[in-house]
Amino acid sequence: MTRKTDSLLNFANITLHRARLTELTNVQALLEECATQFRLAHGLGMWGIATTTRQLERHTTSNQIMLVQYMGVSVATFTLTRVAPHWVTPGVFEDDSLSAAYLSDFVVMPSFRQRGVGSWCIEKACDYARTHQASVLRTAVYTQLQDSLTFALTVGFIPSMGTTHPDRTYLEKPVIPLDVRPME
């Protein structure tokens, strides 16, 4: 895939870290701006993103809220957890026995889309899954968000063959666990 020169980013200037409590306003602003755009573009009501600082503070204790910055500007955020989020009910994934990591609340600022930031974030989420001994990364995408679904399929997610939901598409991406055995 060829990209225009003006859209290329210097990935040496991208950082990823777990959001600190002092940065939750940055995370909140990213989530709210993207949620507003989705609501306007797709006619969605309130969708499953934690938008208050108090909700985000609760999330930080049990989840990894990640903040992506480009040259110091917050451009993306996502949440990773080993505990199944509220949207995972028994049977939505074909094999509930697999060791899984869950990706949710994933947004990239519109001006940074189509520039490799989203793919980079998915690579980092897969790294998280591998280091936590998960064999699969799972997520859900609202069915109305065709661009998001297309992106997820492009970066290697496949639809789960478990229970279907009228408003969500459940997806999973196999990750190869790290081989932690010492070399001989």
N, C-alpha and C. Protein backbone atom coordinates (compact mmCIF):
# COMPACT_ATOMS: atom_id res chain seq x y z
N MET A 1 0.84 -1.17 0.00
CA MET A 1 0.00 0.00 0.00
C MET A 1 0.89 1.24 0.00
N THR A 2 0.66 2.12 -0.92
CA THR A 2 1.45 3.34 -1.04
C THR A 2 0.69 4.51 -0.42
N ARG A 3 1.41 5.29 0.34
CA ARG A 3 0.80 6.46 0.96
C ARG A 3 1.39 7.71 0.35
N LYS A 4 0.63 8.77 0.36
CA LYS A 4 1.14 10.06 -0.10
C LYS A 4 2.20 10.55 0.88
N THR A 5 3.20 11.21 0.36
CA THR A 5 4.30 11.70 1.19
C THR A 5 3.81 12.62 2.29
N ASP A 6 2.83 13.47 2.00
CA ASP A 6 2.38 14.42 3.01
C ASP A 6 1.62 13.76 4.16
N SER A 7 1.22 12.51 3.99
CA SER A 7 0.49 11.85 5.06
C SER A 7 1.39 10.97 5.92
N LEU A 8 2.66 10.80 5.53
CA LEU A 8 3.55 9.96 6.31
C LEU A 8 3.91 10.62 7.63
N LEU A 9 4.02 9.79 8.64
CA LEU A 9 4.42 10.27 9.96
C LEU A 9 5.80 9.74 10.27
N ASN A 10 6.53 10.45 11.07
CA ASN A 10 7.79 9.94 11.59
C ASN A 10 7.44 9.16 12.85
N PHE A 11 7.42 7.84 12.74
CA PHE A 11 6.98 7.02 13.86
C PHE A 11 7.94 7.07 15.04
N ALA A 12 9.13 7.64 14.84
CA ALA A 12 10.03 7.85 15.96
C ALA A 12 9.46 8.90 16.91
N ASN A 13 8.52 9.71 16.42
CA ASN A 13 7.91 10.77 17.24
C ASN A 13 6.61 10.33 17.90
N ILE A 14 6.25 9.05 17.77
CA ILE A 14 5.04 8.54 18.41
C ILE A 14 5.40 7.83 19.70
N THR A 15 4.67 8.15 20.75
CA THR A 15 4.88 7.47 22.03
C THR A 15 3.57 6.85 22.49
N LEU A 16 3.70 5.80 23.27
CA LEU A 16 2.55 5.10 23.85
C LEU A 16 2.87 4.85 25.31
N HIS A 17 1.94 5.21 26.16
CA HIS A 17 2.11 4.92 27.57
C HIS A 17 0.75 4.78 28.24
N ARG A 18 0.78 4.15 29.39
CA ARG A 18 -0.46 4.05 30.17
C ARG A 18 -0.80 5.44 30.66
N ALA A 19 -2.05 5.84 30.43
CA ALA A 19 -2.48 7.18 30.82
C ALA A 19 -2.39 7.35 32.33
N ARG A 20 -1.79 8.44 32.73
CA ARG A 20 -1.72 8.78 34.15
C ARG A 20 -3.02 9.50 34.54
N LEU A 21 -3.32 9.51 35.80
CA LEU A 21 -4.54 10.19 36.25
C LEU A 21 -4.58 11.63 35.80
N THR A 22 -3.42 12.28 35.75
CA THR A 22 -3.37 13.68 35.33
C THR A 22 -3.66 13.85 33.83
N GLU A 23 -3.61 12.75 33.06
CA GLU A 23 -3.85 12.82 31.62
C GLU A 23 -5.26 12.38 31.22
N LEU A 24 -6.08 12.05 32.20
CA LEU A 24 -7.41 11.56 31.88
C LEU A 24 -8.26 12.60 31.16
N THR A 25 -7.98 13.87 31.37
CA THR A 25 -8.73 14.89 30.62
C THR A 25 -8.38 14.81 29.13
N ASN A 26 -7.12 14.48 28.80
CA ASN A 26 -6.74 14.28 27.39
C ASN A 26 -7.51 13.09 26.80
N VAL A 27 -7.55 12.00 27.55
CA VAL A 27 -8.27 10.81 27.10
C VAL A 27 -9.75 11.14 26.93
N GLN A 28 -10.32 11.82 27.91
CA GLN A 28 -11.73 12.20 27.86
C GLN A 28 -12.02 13.07 26.63
N ALA A 29 -11.15 14.02 26.34
CA ALA A 29 -11.36 14.90 25.19
C ALA A 29 -11.31 14.11 23.88
N LEU A 30 -10.37 13.19 23.76
CA LEU A 30 -10.29 12.35 22.56
C LEU A 30 -11.57 11.53 22.38
N LEU A 31 -12.00 10.89 23.45
CA LEU A 31 -13.20 10.05 23.38
C LEU A 31 -14.43 10.86 23.04
N GLU A 32 -14.58 12.01 23.69
CA GLU A 32 -15.77 12.82 23.44
C GLU A 32 -15.79 13.39 22.04
N GLU A 33 -14.64 13.85 21.54
CA GLU A 33 -14.62 14.40 20.19
C GLU A 33 -14.97 13.33 19.16
N CYS A 34 -14.37 12.15 19.29
CA CYS A 34 -14.67 11.07 18.34
C CYS A 34 -16.10 10.57 18.49
N ALA A 35 -16.60 10.49 19.73
CA ALA A 35 -17.97 10.04 19.95
C ALA A 35 -18.96 11.02 19.31
N THR A 36 -18.69 12.32 19.44
CA THR A 36 -19.55 13.33 18.83
C THR A 36 -19.56 13.18 17.32
N GLN A 37 -18.40 12.98 16.73
CA GLN A 37 -18.32 12.81 15.28
C GLN A 37 -19.09 11.56 14.83
N PHE A 38 -18.95 10.46 15.59
CA PHE A 38 -19.67 9.23 15.23
C PHE A 38 -21.18 9.44 15.34
N ARG A 39 -21.61 10.14 16.40
CA ARG A 39 -23.03 10.39 16.56
C ARG A 39 -23.58 11.21 15.41
N LEU A 40 -22.86 12.24 15.02
CA LEU A 40 -23.30 13.10 13.92
C LEU A 40 -23.28 12.37 12.58
N ALA A 41 -22.23 11.61 12.34
CA ALA A 41 -22.08 10.94 11.04
C ALA A 41 -22.99 9.73 10.90
N HIS A 42 -23.25 9.03 12.01
CA HIS A 42 -23.97 7.76 11.92
C HIS A 42 -25.28 7.73 12.67
N GLY A 43 -25.66 8.84 13.27
CA GLY A 43 -26.92 8.89 13.99
C GLY A 43 -26.95 7.99 15.22
N LEU A 44 -25.77 7.73 15.80
CA LEU A 44 -25.71 6.86 16.98
C LEU A 44 -26.09 7.65 18.22
N GLY A 45 -26.73 6.98 19.13
CA GLY A 45 -26.99 7.57 20.44
C GLY A 45 -25.73 7.44 21.27
N MET A 46 -25.85 7.52 22.57
CA MET A 46 -24.68 7.33 23.43
C MET A 46 -24.17 5.92 23.20
N TRP A 47 -22.91 5.80 22.91
CA TRP A 47 -22.33 4.48 22.70
C TRP A 47 -21.28 4.22 23.75
N GLY A 48 -20.85 2.99 23.90
CA GLY A 48 -20.13 2.52 25.07
C GLY A 48 -18.76 3.08 25.34
N ILE A 49 -18.64 4.37 25.49
CA ILE A 49 -17.35 4.95 25.84
C ILE A 49 -17.49 5.67 27.17
N ALA A 50 -16.52 5.44 28.04
CA ALA A 50 -16.52 6.14 29.32
C ALA A 50 -16.15 7.59 29.06
N THR A 51 -17.05 8.51 29.37
CA THR A 51 -16.77 9.90 29.01
C THR A 51 -16.57 10.83 30.20
N THR A 52 -16.77 10.35 31.40
CA THR A 52 -16.53 11.24 32.54
C THR A 52 -15.21 10.88 33.19
N THR A 53 -14.59 11.86 33.78
CA THR A 53 -13.31 11.63 34.45
C THR A 53 -13.47 10.58 35.54
N ARG A 54 -14.58 10.61 36.27
CA ARG A 54 -14.79 9.62 37.34
C ARG A 54 -14.85 8.21 36.76
N GLN A 55 -15.56 8.02 35.63
CA GLN A 55 -15.59 6.70 34.99
C GLN A 55 -14.19 6.29 34.54
N LEU A 56 -13.45 7.22 33.99
CA LEU A 56 -12.09 6.91 33.54
C LEU A 56 -11.19 6.55 34.73
N GLU A 57 -11.34 7.25 35.84
CA GLU A 57 -10.55 6.93 37.03
C GLU A 57 -10.83 5.51 37.49
N ARG A 58 -12.11 5.10 37.45
CA ARG A 58 -12.44 3.72 37.82
C ARG A 58 -11.82 2.73 36.84
N HIS A 59 -11.83 3.09 35.54
CA HIS A 59 -11.24 2.22 34.52
C HIS A 59 -9.74 2.03 34.73
N THR A 60 -9.06 3.08 35.19
CA THR A 60 -7.61 2.98 35.31
C THR A 60 -7.19 1.97 36.35
N THR A 61 -8.01 1.69 37.33
CA THR A 61 -7.60 0.73 38.35
C THR A 61 -7.65 -0.71 37.84
N SER A 62 -8.54 -1.03 36.91
CA SER A 62 -8.65 -2.41 36.45
C SER A 62 -8.18 -2.60 35.01
N ASN A 63 -8.01 -1.53 34.28
CA ASN A 63 -7.64 -1.62 32.87
C ASN A 63 -6.37 -0.83 32.59
N GLN A 64 -5.86 -1.03 31.39
CA GLN A 64 -4.74 -0.25 30.90
C GLN A 64 -5.30 0.75 29.90
N ILE A 65 -5.53 1.99 30.32
CA ILE A 65 -5.96 3.03 29.39
C ILE A 65 -4.68 3.59 28.78
N MET A 66 -4.54 3.40 27.48
CA MET A 66 -3.33 3.78 26.79
C MET A 66 -3.53 5.10 26.06
N LEU A 67 -2.50 5.92 26.07
CA LEU A 67 -2.54 7.22 25.40
C LEU A 67 -1.42 7.26 24.37
N VAL A 68 -1.77 7.60 23.14
CA VAL A 68 -0.82 7.69 22.04
C VAL A 68 -0.61 9.16 21.73
N GLN A 69 0.65 9.57 21.69
CA GLN A 69 0.95 10.97 21.41
C GLN A 69 1.93 11.06 20.25
N TYR A 70 1.71 12.06 19.43
CA TYR A 70 2.61 12.36 18.32
C TYR A 70 3.20 13.74 18.58
N MET A 71 4.49 13.76 18.82
CA MET A 71 5.19 15.00 19.15
C MET A 71 4.50 15.74 20.29
N GLY A 72 4.08 15.00 21.30
CA GLY A 72 3.48 15.57 22.49
C GLY A 72 1.99 15.85 22.41
N VAL A 73 1.36 15.63 21.24
CA VAL A 73 -0.07 15.87 21.08
C VAL A 73 -0.81 14.53 21.16
N SER A 74 -1.86 14.46 21.96
CA SER A 74 -2.64 13.23 22.09
C SER A 74 -3.42 12.98 20.81
N VAL A 75 -3.17 11.82 20.17
CA VAL A 75 -3.80 11.53 18.87
C VAL A 75 -4.65 10.27 18.86
N ALA A 76 -4.50 9.42 19.88
CA ALA A 76 -5.29 8.18 19.94
C ALA A 76 -5.32 7.67 21.36
N THR A 77 -6.30 6.85 21.63
CA THR A 77 -6.40 6.20 22.93
C THR A 77 -7.11 4.86 22.75
N PHE A 78 -6.82 3.94 23.63
CA PHE A 78 -7.53 2.66 23.66
C PHE A 78 -7.34 2.04 25.03
N THR A 79 -8.23 1.11 25.35
CA THR A 79 -8.18 0.43 26.63
C THR A 79 -7.90 -1.04 26.40
N LEU A 80 -7.02 -1.59 27.22
CA LEU A 80 -6.68 -3.01 27.16
C LEU A 80 -6.94 -3.63 28.52
N THR A 81 -7.45 -4.82 28.53
CA THR A 81 -7.68 -5.52 29.78
C THR A 81 -7.65 -7.02 29.55
N ARG A 82 -7.35 -7.76 30.60
CA ARG A 82 -7.44 -9.21 30.54
C ARG A 82 -8.80 -9.67 31.07
N VAL A 83 -9.51 -8.79 31.76
CA VAL A 83 -10.84 -9.10 32.28
C VAL A 83 -11.86 -8.73 31.22
N ALA A 84 -12.76 -9.64 30.92
CA ALA A 84 -13.75 -9.38 29.87
C ALA A 84 -14.60 -8.16 30.23
N PRO A 85 -14.70 -7.18 29.33
CA PRO A 85 -15.52 -5.99 29.57
C PRO A 85 -17.02 -6.33 29.59
N HIS A 86 -17.84 -5.33 29.92
CA HIS A 86 -19.29 -5.54 30.06
C HIS A 86 -19.93 -6.05 28.78
N TRP A 87 -19.37 -5.76 27.61
CA TRP A 87 -20.00 -6.16 26.35
C TRP A 87 -19.73 -7.62 25.99
N VAL A 88 -18.93 -8.30 26.79
CA VAL A 88 -18.66 -9.72 26.52
C VAL A 88 -19.59 -10.57 27.39
N THR A 89 -20.51 -11.24 26.73
CA THR A 89 -21.40 -12.16 27.43
C THR A 89 -21.06 -13.58 26.96
N PRO A 90 -21.36 -14.58 27.76
CA PRO A 90 -21.04 -15.94 27.35
C PRO A 90 -21.60 -16.26 25.97
N GLY A 91 -20.76 -16.79 25.11
CA GLY A 91 -21.18 -17.21 23.79
C GLY A 91 -20.96 -16.23 22.67
N VAL A 92 -20.57 -14.96 22.97
CA VAL A 92 -20.36 -14.02 21.87
C VAL A 92 -19.10 -14.36 21.09
N PHE A 93 -18.15 -15.02 21.73
CA PHE A 93 -16.97 -15.50 21.03
C PHE A 93 -17.06 -17.01 20.92
N GLU A 94 -16.62 -17.52 19.79
CA GLU A 94 -16.78 -18.94 19.50
C GLU A 94 -16.15 -19.82 20.58
N ASP A 95 -14.96 -19.46 21.05
CA ASP A 95 -14.28 -20.29 22.04
C ASP A 95 -13.97 -19.45 23.26
N ASP A 96 -14.82 -19.54 24.28
CA ASP A 96 -14.63 -18.75 25.50
C ASP A 96 -13.46 -19.25 26.35
N SER A 97 -12.91 -20.43 26.01
CA SER A 97 -11.84 -20.99 26.82
C SER A 97 -10.47 -20.42 26.47
N LEU A 98 -10.36 -19.70 25.35
CA LEU A 98 -9.07 -19.14 24.96
C LEU A 98 -8.65 -18.03 25.92
N SER A 99 -7.36 -17.97 26.18
CA SER A 99 -6.81 -16.87 26.97
C SER A 99 -6.84 -15.62 26.09
N ALA A 100 -7.56 -14.58 26.54
CA ALA A 100 -7.79 -13.42 25.69
C ALA A 100 -7.43 -12.11 26.38
N ALA A 101 -7.09 -11.13 25.56
CA ALA A 101 -6.98 -9.74 25.98
C ALA A 101 -8.07 -8.99 25.21
N TYR A 102 -8.59 -7.92 25.79
CA TYR A 102 -9.71 -7.20 25.20
C TYR A 102 -9.32 -5.76 24.90
N LEU A 103 -9.68 -5.31 23.71
CA LEU A 103 -9.43 -3.96 23.24
C LEU A 103 -10.77 -3.23 23.17
N SER A 104 -10.85 -2.07 23.78
CA SER A 104 -12.10 -1.29 23.72
C SER A 104 -11.77 0.20 23.73
N ASP A 105 -12.79 1.01 23.50
CA ASP A 105 -12.66 2.47 23.51
C ASP A 105 -11.48 2.94 22.66
N PHE A 106 -11.35 2.36 21.47
CA PHE A 106 -10.24 2.67 20.56
C PHE A 106 -10.65 3.78 19.61
N VAL A 107 -9.98 4.91 19.71
CA VAL A 107 -10.25 6.02 18.80
C VAL A 107 -8.94 6.65 18.35
N VAL A 108 -8.93 7.09 17.11
CA VAL A 108 -7.81 7.83 16.53
C VAL A 108 -8.40 9.14 16.01
N MET A 109 -7.74 10.23 16.32
CA MET A 109 -8.21 11.54 15.85
C MET A 109 -8.32 11.52 14.33
N PRO A 110 -9.37 12.10 13.78
CA PRO A 110 -9.58 12.07 12.33
C PRO A 110 -8.38 12.54 11.51
N SER A 111 -7.68 13.54 11.96
CA SER A 111 -6.54 14.05 11.19
C SER A 111 -5.35 13.08 11.19
N PHE A 112 -5.41 12.04 12.01
CA PHE A 112 -4.34 11.05 12.06
C PHE A 112 -4.76 9.70 11.50
N ARG A 113 -5.96 9.63 10.96
CA ARG A 113 -6.41 8.38 10.33
C ARG A 113 -5.80 8.27 8.93
N GLN A 114 -5.72 7.06 8.44
CA GLN A 114 -5.14 6.79 7.12
C GLN A 114 -3.66 7.16 7.07
N ARG A 115 -3.02 7.19 8.22
CA ARG A 115 -1.60 7.55 8.27
C ARG A 115 -0.78 6.51 9.02
N GLY A 116 -1.38 5.38 9.36
CA GLY A 116 -0.66 4.30 10.01
C GLY A 116 -0.75 4.26 11.52
N VAL A 117 -1.36 5.26 12.14
CA VAL A 117 -1.45 5.32 13.60
C VAL A 117 -2.30 4.17 14.13
N GLY A 118 -3.44 3.92 13.50
CA GLY A 118 -4.32 2.85 13.96
C GLY A 118 -3.65 1.49 13.88
N SER A 119 -2.99 1.20 12.78
CA SER A 119 -2.27 -0.08 12.63
C SER A 119 -1.17 -0.20 13.67
N TRP A 120 -0.47 0.89 13.92
CA TRP A 120 0.58 0.91 14.93
C TRP A 120 0.00 0.59 16.31
N CYS A 121 -1.17 1.16 16.61
CA CYS A 121 -1.83 0.89 17.89
C CYS A 121 -2.21 -0.59 18.02
N ILE A 122 -2.72 -1.16 16.93
CA ILE A 122 -3.10 -2.58 16.97
C ILE A 122 -1.87 -3.45 17.20
N GLU A 123 -0.74 -3.10 16.58
CA GLU A 123 0.50 -3.84 16.84
C GLU A 123 0.86 -3.79 18.32
N LYS A 124 0.74 -2.62 18.92
CA LYS A 124 1.06 -2.46 20.35
C LYS A 124 0.07 -3.24 21.22
N ALA A 125 -1.21 -3.25 20.83
CA ALA A 125 -2.21 -4.03 21.57
C ALA A 125 -1.88 -5.52 21.49
N CYS A 126 -1.43 -5.98 20.33
CA CYS A 126 -1.03 -7.39 20.18
C CYS A 126 0.19 -7.69 21.05
N ASP A 127 1.13 -6.74 21.13
CA ASP A 127 2.29 -6.91 22.02
C ASP A 127 1.83 -7.09 23.46
N TYR A 128 0.87 -6.26 23.87
CA TYR A 128 0.31 -6.38 25.23
C TYR A 128 -0.29 -7.77 25.43
N ALA A 129 -1.07 -8.22 24.46
CA ALA A 129 -1.70 -9.54 24.58
C ALA A 129 -0.65 -10.63 24.72
N ARG A 130 0.39 -10.56 23.89
CA ARG A 130 1.46 -11.57 23.95
C ARG A 130 2.17 -11.56 25.30
N THR A 131 2.51 -10.38 25.79
CA THR A 131 3.24 -10.32 27.06
C THR A 131 2.38 -10.76 28.24
N HIS A 132 1.06 -10.75 28.06
CA HIS A 132 0.16 -11.22 29.12
C HIS A 132 -0.34 -12.64 28.83
N GLN A 133 0.40 -13.35 27.98
CA GLN A 133 0.14 -14.76 27.67
C GLN A 133 -1.24 -15.01 27.08
N ALA A 134 -1.80 -14.04 26.39
CA ALA A 134 -3.09 -14.22 25.72
C ALA A 134 -2.84 -14.78 24.32
N SER A 135 -3.74 -15.59 23.85
CA SER A 135 -3.59 -16.16 22.51
C SER A 135 -4.45 -15.43 21.48
N VAL A 136 -5.32 -14.53 21.97
CA VAL A 136 -6.21 -13.81 21.06
C VAL A 136 -6.52 -12.42 21.62
N LEU A 137 -6.64 -11.45 20.70
CA LEU A 137 -7.06 -10.09 21.06
C LEU A 137 -8.48 -9.95 20.56
N ARG A 138 -9.39 -9.53 21.44
CA ARG A 138 -10.81 -9.45 21.09
C ARG A 138 -11.30 -8.01 21.18
N THR A 139 -12.30 -7.71 20.34
CA THR A 139 -12.91 -6.38 20.36
C THR A 139 -14.32 -6.48 19.79
N ALA A 140 -15.03 -5.38 19.84
CA ALA A 140 -16.36 -5.28 19.23
C ALA A 140 -16.44 -3.94 18.52
N VAL A 141 -17.11 -3.93 17.36
CA VAL A 141 -17.28 -2.72 16.58
C VAL A 141 -18.77 -2.53 16.33
N TYR A 142 -19.24 -1.31 16.51
CA TYR A 142 -20.64 -1.04 16.19
C TYR A 142 -20.87 -1.29 14.71
N THR A 143 -21.91 -2.01 14.39
CA THR A 143 -22.21 -2.43 13.03
C THR A 143 -22.35 -1.24 12.08
N GLN A 144 -22.87 -0.11 12.56
CA GLN A 144 -23.05 1.06 11.72
C GLN A 144 -21.71 1.69 11.29
N LEU A 145 -20.64 1.39 12.00
CA LEU A 145 -19.35 2.02 11.73
C LEU A 145 -18.57 1.19 10.71
N GLN A 146 -18.99 1.27 9.45
CA GLN A 146 -18.38 0.46 8.39
C GLN A 146 -16.90 0.74 8.22
N ASP A 147 -16.47 2.00 8.35
CA ASP A 147 -15.04 2.32 8.23
C ASP A 147 -14.24 1.61 9.33
N SER A 148 -14.78 1.59 10.54
CA SER A 148 -14.10 0.93 11.65
C SER A 148 -14.04 -0.58 11.43
N LEU A 149 -15.12 -1.15 10.93
CA LEU A 149 -15.14 -2.58 10.65
C LEU A 149 -14.15 -2.92 9.54
N THR A 150 -14.12 -2.13 8.50
CA THR A 150 -13.17 -2.35 7.40
C THR A 150 -11.74 -2.27 7.91
N PHE A 151 -11.46 -1.28 8.76
CA PHE A 151 -10.13 -1.15 9.34
C PHE A 151 -9.77 -2.40 10.14
N ALA A 152 -10.68 -2.84 11.01
CA ALA A 152 -10.41 -4.02 11.84
C ALA A 152 -10.09 -5.25 10.98
N LEU A 153 -10.85 -5.44 9.92
CA LEU A 153 -10.60 -6.58 9.03
C LEU A 153 -9.26 -6.43 8.32
N THR A 154 -8.91 -5.21 7.96
CA THR A 154 -7.64 -4.94 7.27
C THR A 154 -6.43 -5.26 8.14
N VAL A 155 -6.53 -5.01 9.45
CA VAL A 155 -5.39 -5.26 10.34
C VAL A 155 -5.41 -6.66 10.94
N GLY A 156 -6.27 -7.54 10.42
CA GLY A 156 -6.19 -8.94 10.79
C GLY A 156 -7.23 -9.49 11.75
N PHE A 157 -8.20 -8.68 12.14
CA PHE A 157 -9.28 -9.21 12.96
C PHE A 157 -10.22 -10.02 12.08
N ILE A 158 -10.82 -11.04 12.65
CA ILE A 158 -11.81 -11.84 11.93
C ILE A 158 -13.08 -11.88 12.77
N PRO A 159 -14.25 -11.91 12.12
CA PRO A 159 -15.50 -11.98 12.89
C PRO A 159 -15.57 -13.27 13.68
N SER A 160 -16.06 -13.18 14.89
CA SER A 160 -16.25 -14.36 15.72
C SER A 160 -17.45 -15.14 15.20
N MET A 161 -17.39 -16.42 15.33
CA MET A 161 -18.50 -17.26 14.89
C MET A 161 -19.44 -17.57 16.06
N GLY A 162 -19.29 -16.85 17.16
CA GLY A 162 -20.16 -17.04 18.32
C GLY A 162 -21.51 -16.37 18.10
N THR A 163 -22.16 -16.06 19.19
CA THR A 163 -23.48 -15.43 19.15
C THR A 163 -23.39 -14.07 18.45
N THR A 164 -24.38 -13.76 17.65
CA THR A 164 -24.40 -12.46 16.96
C THR A 164 -25.20 -11.45 17.78
N HIS A 165 -24.99 -10.20 17.46
CA HIS A 165 -25.68 -9.10 18.13
C HIS A 165 -26.11 -8.13 17.04
N PRO A 166 -27.31 -7.58 17.11
CA PRO A 166 -27.77 -6.70 16.02
C PRO A 166 -26.98 -5.40 15.88
N ASP A 167 -26.38 -4.92 16.96
CA ASP A 167 -25.70 -3.63 16.91
C ASP A 167 -24.18 -3.72 16.89
N ARG A 168 -23.62 -4.90 17.16
CA ARG A 168 -22.17 -5.04 17.26
C ARG A 168 -21.67 -6.21 16.43
N THR A 169 -20.45 -6.07 15.95
CA THR A 169 -19.76 -7.18 15.33
C THR A 169 -18.60 -7.53 16.25
N TYR A 170 -18.56 -8.77 16.71
CA TYR A 170 -17.51 -9.23 17.60
C TYR A 170 -16.37 -9.77 16.75
N LEU A 171 -15.16 -9.33 17.08
CA LEU A 171 -13.99 -9.67 16.28
C LEU A 171 -12.87 -10.18 17.17
N GLU A 172 -12.03 -11.01 16.59
CA GLU A 172 -10.84 -11.45 17.33
C GLU A 172 -9.67 -11.58 16.37
N LYS A 173 -8.49 -11.42 16.94
CA LYS A 173 -7.26 -11.47 16.17
C LYS A 173 -6.31 -12.40 16.91
N PRO A 174 -5.93 -13.49 16.26
CA PRO A 174 -4.96 -14.38 16.91
C PRO A 174 -3.62 -13.66 17.10
N VAL A 175 -3.01 -13.88 18.23
CA VAL A 175 -1.66 -13.35 18.47
C VAL A 175 -0.77 -14.54 18.81
N ILE A 176 0.44 -14.49 18.33
CA ILE A 176 1.37 -15.59 18.61
C ILE A 176 2.03 -15.30 19.93
N PRO A 177 1.86 -16.20 20.91
CA PRO A 177 2.49 -15.95 22.22
C PRO A 177 4.00 -15.89 22.09
N LEU A 178 4.62 -15.06 22.92
CA LEU A 178 6.06 -14.97 22.93
C LEU A 178 6.65 -16.28 23.44
N ASP A 179 7.74 -16.71 22.86
CA ASP A 179 8.44 -17.90 23.32
C ASP A 179 9.43 -17.43 24.37
N VAL A 180 9.14 -17.71 25.64
CA VAL A 180 9.98 -17.21 26.72
C VAL A 180 11.02 -18.25 27.17
N ARG A 181 11.13 -19.36 26.40
CA ARG A 181 12.14 -20.36 26.76
C ARG A 181 13.53 -19.82 26.45
N PRO A 182 14.52 -20.16 27.30
CA PRO A 182 15.88 -19.71 26.99
C PRO A 182 16.42 -20.41 25.75
N MET A 183 17.23 -19.71 25.01
CA MET A 183 17.83 -20.29 23.80
C MET A 183 18.89 -21.29 24.21
N GLU A 184 18.99 -22.36 23.45
CA GLU A 184 20.00 -23.38 23.77
C GLU A 184 21.29 -23.10 23.08
